[in-house]
Amino acid sequence: MTATITDFAALTGTYAIDPAHTRFGFVARHAMVTKVRGSFNEFEGTTTVDGADLSKSSVSITLKTASIDTRNAQRDGHLLSNDFLDVANHPEITFVSTSIAHQGGDDFEVSGNLTIKGVTKSITFPLEFTGSATDPFGNHRVGLEGAMSINRSDFGVNFNAALETGGVLVSEKVTIECEISAIKSA
């Protein structure tokens, strides 16, 4: 049975992010002409929903930086270096919520602290509730998805190279994307 977004009480509980049905990714413009997409293949996270008072709800997510995957080993190696994520000194990217607000309909805003390469900034991430259902194995699932842009240099990710035709090799703007499936704990 699918719960409606107005049925917050039915959603109350603690959920673990299902890595087999979740994607945390990013998009950055390359050489000013195309986009490169990537994702993190190892992560964990929990969400606690308080249906009576959404302000008491929370989200915590940890991405393993060494699991970055842009479908190009040479590029992935460069992204893991100090030029970008410095995986040797910063093995994780984390997000810990400070507030969750219902914006109406299926829309929410999750504010919190995003830490990349040892730099923590407060962000507000828009999320759309995409549904709630019991799967064939009896697990109660919820779905969420969203995207937002950050400036990577705000997090100390400053590498770039000038192009002969003008512009730079990698855009400062990076779009963070997520499609989340989370399973309610028994």
Protein backbone atom coordinates (compact mmCIF):
# COMPACT_ATOMS: atom_id res chain seq x y z
CA MET A 1 0.00 0.00 0.00
CA THR A 2 1.30 3.44 -0.84
CA ALA A 3 1.07 6.10 1.88
CA THR A 4 0.06 9.58 0.82
CA ILE A 5 2.34 12.48 1.64
CA THR A 6 -0.25 13.79 4.10
CA ASP A 7 0.00 10.55 6.11
CA PHE A 8 3.19 11.48 8.00
CA ALA A 9 2.27 9.23 10.94
CA ALA A 10 2.57 6.15 8.69
CA LEU A 11 6.14 7.21 7.85
CA THR A 12 7.32 7.55 11.46
CA GLY A 13 10.39 5.44 12.14
CA THR A 14 14.05 4.94 11.38
CA TYR A 15 15.14 4.07 7.85
CA ALA A 16 18.42 2.74 6.47
CA ILE A 17 19.43 3.77 2.97
CA ASP A 18 19.34 0.78 0.62
CA PRO A 19 22.63 0.90 -1.35
CA ALA A 20 21.33 -1.47 -4.03
CA HIS A 21 18.54 0.95 -4.98
CA THR A 22 20.11 4.33 -4.21
CA ARG A 23 22.42 6.63 -6.16
CA PHE A 24 24.50 9.56 -4.93
CA GLY A 25 25.99 11.31 -7.93
CA PHE A 26 27.34 14.54 -9.33
CA VAL A 27 27.61 16.40 -12.62
CA ALA A 28 30.33 18.89 -13.61
CA ARG A 29 30.99 20.62 -16.90
CA HIS A 30 34.25 19.56 -18.59
CA ALA A 31 36.24 21.70 -21.03
CA MET A 32 33.27 24.09 -21.18
CA VAL A 33 31.52 21.86 -23.74
CA THR A 34 30.20 18.72 -22.09
CA LYS A 35 29.15 17.27 -18.77
CA VAL A 36 30.87 14.50 -16.84
CA ARG A 37 28.69 12.42 -14.53
CA GLY A 38 29.89 10.34 -11.65
CA SER A 39 28.70 8.64 -8.52
CA PHE A 40 29.89 7.22 -5.23
CA ASN A 41 29.38 3.47 -5.06
CA GLU A 42 29.93 3.02 -1.32
CA PHE A 43 27.86 4.91 1.21
CA GLU A 44 25.62 4.54 4.23
CA GLY A 45 22.93 6.61 5.78
CA THR A 46 19.97 6.73 8.09
CA THR A 47 16.86 8.83 8.29
CA THR A 48 14.61 9.20 11.29
CA VAL A 49 11.11 10.46 10.58
CA ASP A 50 8.89 11.86 13.32
CA GLY A 51 5.46 12.00 11.71
CA ALA A 52 4.00 13.99 14.61
CA ASP A 53 6.70 16.69 14.43
CA LEU A 54 8.82 16.74 11.25
CA SER A 55 11.19 19.22 12.88
CA LYS A 56 12.41 16.31 15.06
CA SER A 57 13.31 14.26 11.96
CA SER A 58 16.93 13.83 10.85
CA VAL A 59 19.21 12.56 8.09
CA SER A 60 22.83 11.41 8.22
CA ILE A 61 24.78 10.28 5.13
CA THR A 62 28.40 9.20 4.63
CA LEU A 63 29.93 8.72 1.17
CA LYS A 64 33.25 6.87 0.80
CA THR A 65 35.38 9.10 -1.45
CA ALA A 66 37.51 6.16 -2.67
CA SER A 67 34.37 4.72 -4.29
CA ILE A 68 34.08 7.55 -6.84
CA ASP A 69 33.19 6.29 -10.31
CA THR A 70 33.07 8.38 -13.49
CA ARG A 71 33.58 5.36 -15.79
CA ASN A 72 37.17 6.47 -16.49
CA ALA A 73 39.98 5.08 -14.28
CA GLN A 74 42.45 7.86 -15.13
CA ARG A 75 39.93 10.59 -14.30
CA ASP A 76 38.87 8.76 -11.12
CA GLY A 77 42.51 8.58 -10.03
CA HIS A 78 42.88 12.33 -10.53
CA LEU A 79 39.67 13.03 -8.60
CA LEU A 80 41.02 10.96 -5.68
CA SER A 81 44.25 13.00 -5.57
CA ASN A 82 44.88 16.15 -3.53
CA ASP A 83 43.91 18.21 -6.62
CA PHE A 84 40.30 17.25 -5.90
CA LEU A 85 39.08 15.03 -3.01
CA ASP A 86 42.40 14.10 -1.33
CA VAL A 87 41.11 10.65 -0.38
CA ALA A 88 44.27 9.85 1.64
CA ASN A 89 43.39 12.58 4.15
CA HIS A 90 39.62 12.81 3.61
CA PRO A 91 38.15 9.33 3.11
CA GLU A 92 34.54 10.49 3.55
CA ILE A 93 32.06 13.14 2.49
CA THR A 94 29.36 13.62 5.12
CA PHE A 95 26.00 15.31 5.43
CA VAL A 96 24.22 15.73 8.77
CA SER A 97 20.85 17.49 8.81
CA THR A 98 20.02 20.36 11.12
CA SER A 99 16.37 20.76 10.03
CA ILE A 100 13.75 19.25 7.76
CA ALA A 101 10.83 21.32 6.52
CA HIS A 102 7.78 20.33 4.49
CA GLN A 103 7.32 22.81 1.64
CA GLY A 104 3.92 21.49 0.60
CA GLY A 105 2.84 18.61 -1.61
CA ASP A 106 5.70 16.17 -2.09
CA ASP A 107 8.44 18.79 -1.56
CA PHE A 108 10.82 19.08 1.39
CA GLU A 109 13.92 21.04 2.23
CA VAL A 110 16.63 19.36 4.24
CA SER A 111 19.15 21.78 5.72
CA GLY A 112 22.39 20.61 7.24
CA ASN A 113 26.15 20.50 7.26
CA LEU A 114 27.96 19.14 4.20
CA THR A 115 31.64 18.29 4.71
CA ILE A 116 33.91 17.79 1.69
CA LYS A 117 37.71 17.66 1.96
CA GLY A 118 37.55 18.76 5.60
CA VAL A 119 35.49 21.90 4.89
CA THR A 120 31.98 22.10 6.35
CA LYS A 121 29.31 24.37 4.89
CA SER A 122 25.63 24.71 5.64
CA ILE A 123 23.42 23.80 2.67
CA THR A 124 19.73 23.33 2.00
CA PHE A 125 18.91 20.38 -0.22
CA PRO A 126 15.49 20.20 -1.92
CA LEU A 127 13.97 16.71 -1.93
CA GLU A 128 10.87 15.29 -3.53
CA PHE A 129 9.06 12.45 -1.79
CA THR A 130 8.51 9.88 -4.55
CA GLY A 131 6.45 7.36 -2.64
CA SER A 132 6.08 4.79 0.08
CA ALA A 133 5.33 1.11 -0.39
CA THR A 134 5.79 -2.37 1.03
CA ASP A 135 8.05 -4.42 -1.26
CA PRO A 136 7.55 -8.17 -2.02
CA PHE A 137 9.87 -9.04 0.91
CA GLY A 138 7.75 -7.16 3.46
CA ASN A 139 10.09 -4.16 3.72
CA HIS A 140 8.46 -0.76 4.10
CA ARG A 141 10.28 1.59 1.70
CA VAL A 142 10.25 5.30 1.04
CA GLY A 143 11.70 7.07 -1.98
CA LEU A 144 13.21 10.54 -2.26
CA GLU A 145 15.09 12.35 -4.99
CA GLY A 146 16.66 15.73 -5.50
CA ALA A 147 19.43 17.84 -6.96
CA MET A 148 21.23 21.05 -6.08
CA SER A 149 24.37 22.89 -7.13
CA ILE A 150 27.37 23.82 -5.03
CA ASN A 151 30.56 25.71 -5.80
CA ARG A 152 33.34 23.14 -5.34
CA SER A 153 35.93 25.81 -4.47
CA ASP A 154 33.84 26.66 -1.37
CA PHE A 155 34.94 23.22 -0.12
CA GLY A 156 38.64 23.60 -0.98
CA VAL A 157 38.38 21.68 -4.27
CA ASN A 158 40.26 24.24 -6.33
CA PHE A 159 42.15 22.45 -9.13
CA ASN A 160 41.66 23.83 -12.62
CA ALA A 161 43.47 24.43 -15.88
CA ALA A 162 42.93 27.27 -18.34
CA LEU A 163 41.90 26.35 -21.88
CA GLU A 164 43.59 27.92 -24.92
CA THR A 165 40.18 28.97 -26.24
CA GLY A 166 39.23 30.59 -22.93
CA GLY A 167 37.42 29.15 -19.98
CA VAL A 168 38.57 26.36 -17.69
CA LEU A 169 38.86 22.59 -17.77
CA VAL A 170 36.42 21.89 -14.91
CA SER A 171 33.45 24.04 -13.88
CA GLU A 172 33.30 25.47 -10.38
CA LYS A 173 29.61 24.53 -10.27
CA VAL A 174 28.92 20.91 -9.41
CA THR A 175 25.39 19.52 -9.29
CA ILE A 176 24.79 16.97 -6.56
CA GLU A 177 22.09 14.40 -7.35
CA CYS A 178 20.42 11.70 -5.31
CA GLU A 179 17.81 9.04 -5.80
CA ILE A 180 17.19 7.35 -2.45
CA SER A 181 15.37 4.21 -1.46
CA ALA A 182 15.31 3.68 2.30
CA ILE A 183 13.98 0.72 4.28
CA LYS A 184 12.18 1.15 7.58
CA SER A 185 13.77 -0.68 10.52
CA ALA A 186 11.58 -3.30 12.17
